[in-house]
């Protein structure tokens, strides 16, 4: 079993230098996935969040909209691969 490093929304915002509102927005769009919950506290897998945020940054620089990124991320969570066709 792989050890996951789970971090809170506050830690995501601080570590990746984005606002908590952005984390919530990406989570609500389905671009970021919650790994676990501790009461009402959402926890994220640090490695997966880094991969997702790096991909979002790259795709945004290439001109992709969040809607397209959202659609591709939903496909990623189903297939395990992130690609835009």
N, C-alpha and C. Protein backbone atom coordinates (compact mmCIF):
# COMPACT_ATOMS: atom_id res chain seq x y z
N UNK A 1 0.83 -1.18 0.00
CA UNK A 1 0.00 0.00 0.00
C UNK A 1 0.88 1.24 0.00
N UNK A 2 0.55 2.19 -0.83
CA UNK A 2 1.32 3.42 -0.93
C UNK A 2 0.96 4.35 0.22
N UNK A 3 1.97 5.02 0.75
CA UNK A 3 1.72 6.01 1.78
C UNK A 3 1.38 7.33 1.12
N UNK A 4 0.24 7.87 1.49
CA UNK A 4 -0.18 9.15 0.96
C UNK A 4 0.10 10.22 2.01
N UNK A 5 0.54 11.35 1.53
CA UNK A 5 0.68 12.50 2.41
C UNK A 5 -0.57 13.34 2.20
N UNK A 6 -1.42 13.36 3.23
CA UNK A 6 -2.66 14.11 3.14
C UNK A 6 -2.48 15.48 3.76
N UNK A 7 -2.99 16.49 3.04
CA UNK A 7 -2.86 17.86 3.52
C UNK A 7 -4.22 18.55 3.45
N UNK A 8 -4.39 19.53 4.32
CA UNK A 8 -5.64 20.27 4.39
C UNK A 8 -5.69 21.36 3.31
N UNK A 9 -6.85 21.97 3.17
CA UNK A 9 -7.00 23.05 2.19
C UNK A 9 -6.06 24.21 2.53
N UNK A 10 -5.87 24.50 3.82
CA UNK A 10 -4.95 25.55 4.22
C UNK A 10 -3.52 25.24 3.78
N UNK A 11 -3.15 23.98 3.94
CA UNK A 11 -1.80 23.57 3.54
C UNK A 11 -1.65 23.57 2.02
N UNK A 12 -2.69 23.17 1.29
CA UNK A 12 -2.66 23.23 -0.18
C UNK A 12 -2.44 24.67 -0.62
N UNK A 13 -3.24 25.59 -0.05
CA UNK A 13 -3.13 27.00 -0.42
C UNK A 13 -1.74 27.55 -0.13
N UNK A 14 -1.23 27.24 1.05
CA UNK A 14 0.09 27.75 1.45
C UNK A 14 1.21 27.13 0.62
N UNK A 15 1.20 25.81 0.49
CA UNK A 15 2.28 25.11 -0.20
C UNK A 15 2.35 25.48 -1.69
N UNK A 16 1.17 25.57 -2.34
CA UNK A 16 1.14 25.82 -3.78
C UNK A 16 0.89 27.28 -4.14
N UNK A 17 0.81 28.14 -3.12
CA UNK A 17 0.65 29.59 -3.30
C UNK A 17 -0.58 29.94 -4.14
N UNK A 18 -1.70 29.34 -3.78
CA UNK A 18 -2.99 29.68 -4.39
C UNK A 18 -3.97 29.93 -3.25
N UNK A 19 -5.05 30.60 -3.56
CA UNK A 19 -6.02 30.91 -2.52
C UNK A 19 -6.87 29.69 -2.17
N UNK A 20 -7.42 29.72 -0.95
CA UNK A 20 -8.34 28.66 -0.55
C UNK A 20 -9.58 28.67 -1.45
N UNK A 21 -9.97 29.85 -1.90
CA UNK A 21 -11.13 29.96 -2.80
C UNK A 21 -10.85 29.22 -4.11
N UNK A 22 -9.62 29.31 -4.61
CA UNK A 22 -9.24 28.60 -5.83
C UNK A 22 -9.27 27.09 -5.62
N UNK A 23 -8.75 26.65 -4.48
CA UNK A 23 -8.79 25.21 -4.16
C UNK A 23 -10.24 24.74 -4.13
N UNK A 24 -11.09 25.49 -3.44
CA UNK A 24 -12.51 25.13 -3.37
C UNK A 24 -13.16 25.12 -4.75
N UNK A 25 -12.84 26.12 -5.55
CA UNK A 25 -13.41 26.22 -6.90
C UNK A 25 -13.00 25.02 -7.76
N UNK A 26 -11.72 24.70 -7.76
CA UNK A 26 -11.23 23.55 -8.53
C UNK A 26 -11.83 22.24 -8.00
N UNK A 27 -12.00 22.16 -6.69
CA UNK A 27 -12.62 20.96 -6.10
C UNK A 27 -14.07 20.85 -6.55
N UNK A 28 -14.80 21.95 -6.51
CA UNK A 28 -16.20 21.95 -6.92
C UNK A 28 -16.36 21.61 -8.41
N UNK A 29 -15.38 22.01 -9.22
CA UNK A 29 -15.41 21.66 -10.65
C UNK A 29 -15.04 20.20 -10.90
N UNK A 30 -14.44 19.56 -9.89
CA UNK A 30 -14.01 18.18 -10.06
C UNK A 30 -12.59 18.05 -10.57
N UNK A 31 -11.88 19.17 -10.66
CA UNK A 31 -10.50 19.15 -11.15
C UNK A 31 -9.58 18.62 -10.06
N UNK A 32 -9.83 19.00 -8.81
CA UNK A 32 -9.10 18.48 -7.67
C UNK A 32 -10.01 17.53 -6.93
N UNK A 33 -9.45 16.45 -6.44
CA UNK A 33 -10.24 15.44 -5.74
C UNK A 33 -9.85 15.37 -4.27
N UNK A 34 -10.85 15.22 -3.44
CA UNK A 34 -10.64 15.05 -2.01
C UNK A 34 -10.22 13.59 -1.78
N UNK A 35 -9.14 13.40 -1.05
CA UNK A 35 -8.64 12.05 -0.78
C UNK A 35 -9.32 11.44 0.43
N UNK A 36 -9.64 12.28 1.41
CA UNK A 36 -10.25 11.78 2.65
C UNK A 36 -10.86 12.97 3.39
N UNK A 37 -11.61 12.66 4.42
CA UNK A 37 -12.18 13.70 5.27
C UNK A 37 -11.91 13.36 6.72
N UNK A 38 -11.73 14.40 7.50
CA UNK A 38 -11.54 14.29 8.93
C UNK A 38 -12.58 15.20 9.56
N UNK A 39 -13.74 14.66 9.89
CA UNK A 39 -14.86 15.50 10.30
C UNK A 39 -15.34 16.27 9.08
N UNK A 40 -15.40 17.58 9.19
CA UNK A 40 -15.77 18.43 8.05
C UNK A 40 -14.56 18.91 7.26
N UNK A 41 -13.39 18.51 7.68
CA UNK A 41 -12.14 18.96 7.07
C UNK A 41 -11.79 18.07 5.87
N UNK A 42 -11.64 18.70 4.71
CA UNK A 42 -11.27 17.96 3.51
C UNK A 42 -9.75 17.80 3.46
N UNK A 43 -9.31 16.61 3.10
CA UNK A 43 -7.88 16.33 2.98
C UNK A 43 -7.56 15.92 1.55
N UNK A 44 -6.44 16.40 1.06
CA UNK A 44 -6.02 16.15 -0.31
C UNK A 44 -4.71 15.39 -0.31
N UNK A 45 -4.52 14.55 -1.32
CA UNK A 45 -3.27 13.83 -1.52
C UNK A 45 -2.28 14.81 -2.14
N UNK A 46 -1.24 15.12 -1.41
CA UNK A 46 -0.29 16.16 -1.83
C UNK A 46 0.30 15.88 -3.22
N UNK A 47 0.67 14.64 -3.48
CA UNK A 47 1.28 14.29 -4.77
C UNK A 47 0.28 14.49 -5.92
N UNK A 48 -0.96 14.04 -5.73
CA UNK A 48 -1.98 14.18 -6.79
C UNK A 48 -2.34 15.65 -7.01
N UNK A 49 -2.38 16.42 -5.93
CA UNK A 49 -2.69 17.85 -6.05
C UNK A 49 -1.60 18.55 -6.84
N UNK A 50 -0.34 18.22 -6.52
CA UNK A 50 0.77 18.84 -7.27
C UNK A 50 0.68 18.51 -8.75
N UNK A 51 0.42 17.24 -9.06
CA UNK A 51 0.31 16.84 -10.47
C UNK A 51 -0.84 17.58 -11.15
N UNK A 52 -1.98 17.66 -10.49
CA UNK A 52 -3.15 18.32 -11.07
C UNK A 52 -2.90 19.82 -11.27
N UNK A 53 -2.32 20.48 -10.27
CA UNK A 53 -2.07 21.92 -10.38
C UNK A 53 -1.01 22.22 -11.43
N UNK A 54 0.01 21.39 -11.55
CA UNK A 54 1.01 21.56 -12.60
C UNK A 54 0.35 21.44 -13.97
N UNK A 55 -0.53 20.46 -14.12
CA UNK A 55 -1.22 20.25 -15.40
C UNK A 55 -2.16 21.42 -15.71
N UNK A 56 -2.87 21.90 -14.70
CA UNK A 56 -3.77 23.05 -14.90
C UNK A 56 -2.96 24.26 -15.37
N UNK A 57 -1.84 24.51 -14.70
CA UNK A 57 -1.00 25.66 -15.06
C UNK A 57 -0.53 25.55 -16.50
N UNK A 58 -0.07 24.36 -16.89
CA UNK A 58 0.41 24.14 -18.26
C UNK A 58 -0.71 24.34 -19.27
N UNK A 59 -1.86 23.75 -19.02
CA UNK A 59 -2.97 23.85 -19.97
C UNK A 59 -3.51 25.28 -20.06
N UNK A 60 -3.56 25.99 -18.93
CA UNK A 60 -4.02 27.38 -18.96
C UNK A 60 -3.05 28.23 -19.80
N UNK A 61 -1.75 27.98 -19.67
CA UNK A 61 -0.75 28.71 -20.46
C UNK A 61 -0.91 28.42 -21.95
N UNK A 62 -1.39 27.21 -22.27
CA UNK A 62 -1.60 26.83 -23.66
C UNK A 62 -2.95 27.33 -24.20
N UNK A 63 -3.73 28.00 -23.33
CA UNK A 63 -4.97 28.61 -23.77
C UNK A 63 -6.23 27.79 -23.53
N UNK A 64 -6.11 26.68 -22.83
CA UNK A 64 -7.30 25.87 -22.55
C UNK A 64 -8.15 26.53 -21.47
N UNK A 65 -9.45 26.42 -21.62
CA UNK A 65 -10.37 26.96 -20.63
C UNK A 65 -10.51 25.99 -19.47
N UNK A 66 -10.98 26.51 -18.35
CA UNK A 66 -11.22 25.63 -17.21
C UNK A 66 -12.29 24.59 -17.54
N UNK A 67 -13.23 24.94 -18.40
CA UNK A 67 -14.27 23.98 -18.80
C UNK A 67 -13.64 22.76 -19.50
N UNK A 68 -12.70 23.01 -20.42
CA UNK A 68 -12.02 21.89 -21.10
C UNK A 68 -11.14 21.11 -20.13
N UNK A 69 -10.48 21.83 -19.24
CA UNK A 69 -9.65 21.16 -18.24
C UNK A 69 -10.53 20.32 -17.33
N UNK A 70 -11.68 20.85 -16.98
CA UNK A 70 -12.63 20.10 -16.15
C UNK A 70 -13.05 18.81 -16.84
N UNK A 71 -13.42 18.90 -18.10
CA UNK A 71 -13.83 17.72 -18.85
C UNK A 71 -12.70 16.69 -18.94
N UNK A 72 -11.48 17.17 -19.20
CA UNK A 72 -10.36 16.24 -19.32
C UNK A 72 -10.01 15.63 -17.97
N UNK A 73 -10.17 16.39 -16.89
CA UNK A 73 -9.85 15.84 -15.57
C UNK A 73 -10.88 14.79 -15.16
N UNK A 74 -12.13 14.97 -15.56
CA UNK A 74 -13.14 13.95 -15.26
C UNK A 74 -12.80 12.66 -16.01
N UNK A 75 -12.32 12.79 -17.24
CA UNK A 75 -11.88 11.61 -17.99
C UNK A 75 -10.66 10.99 -17.34
N UNK A 76 -9.76 11.82 -16.81
CA UNK A 76 -8.56 11.33 -16.14
C UNK A 76 -8.93 10.45 -14.95
N UNK A 77 -9.87 10.90 -14.16
CA UNK A 77 -10.24 10.14 -12.96
C UNK A 77 -10.93 8.82 -13.33
N UNK A 78 -11.50 8.76 -14.53
CA UNK A 78 -12.10 7.51 -14.99
C UNK A 78 -11.06 6.59 -15.59
N UNK A 79 -10.13 7.16 -16.39
CA UNK A 79 -9.19 6.33 -17.14
C UNK A 79 -7.78 6.29 -16.54
N UNK A 80 -7.42 7.27 -15.74
CA UNK A 80 -6.06 7.32 -15.19
C UNK A 80 -5.10 8.12 -16.04
N UNK A 81 -5.59 8.67 -17.16
CA UNK A 81 -4.73 9.48 -18.04
C UNK A 81 -5.41 10.81 -18.34
N UNK A 82 -4.62 11.88 -18.32
CA UNK A 82 -5.14 13.21 -18.62
C UNK A 82 -4.72 13.58 -20.03
N UNK A 83 -5.71 13.72 -20.89
CA UNK A 83 -5.39 14.13 -22.27
C UNK A 83 -6.54 14.95 -22.81
N UNK A 84 -6.20 15.88 -23.67
CA UNK A 84 -7.20 16.69 -24.35
C UNK A 84 -7.19 16.32 -25.81
N UNK A 85 -8.36 16.02 -26.34
CA UNK A 85 -8.44 15.62 -27.74
C UNK A 85 -9.15 16.68 -28.53
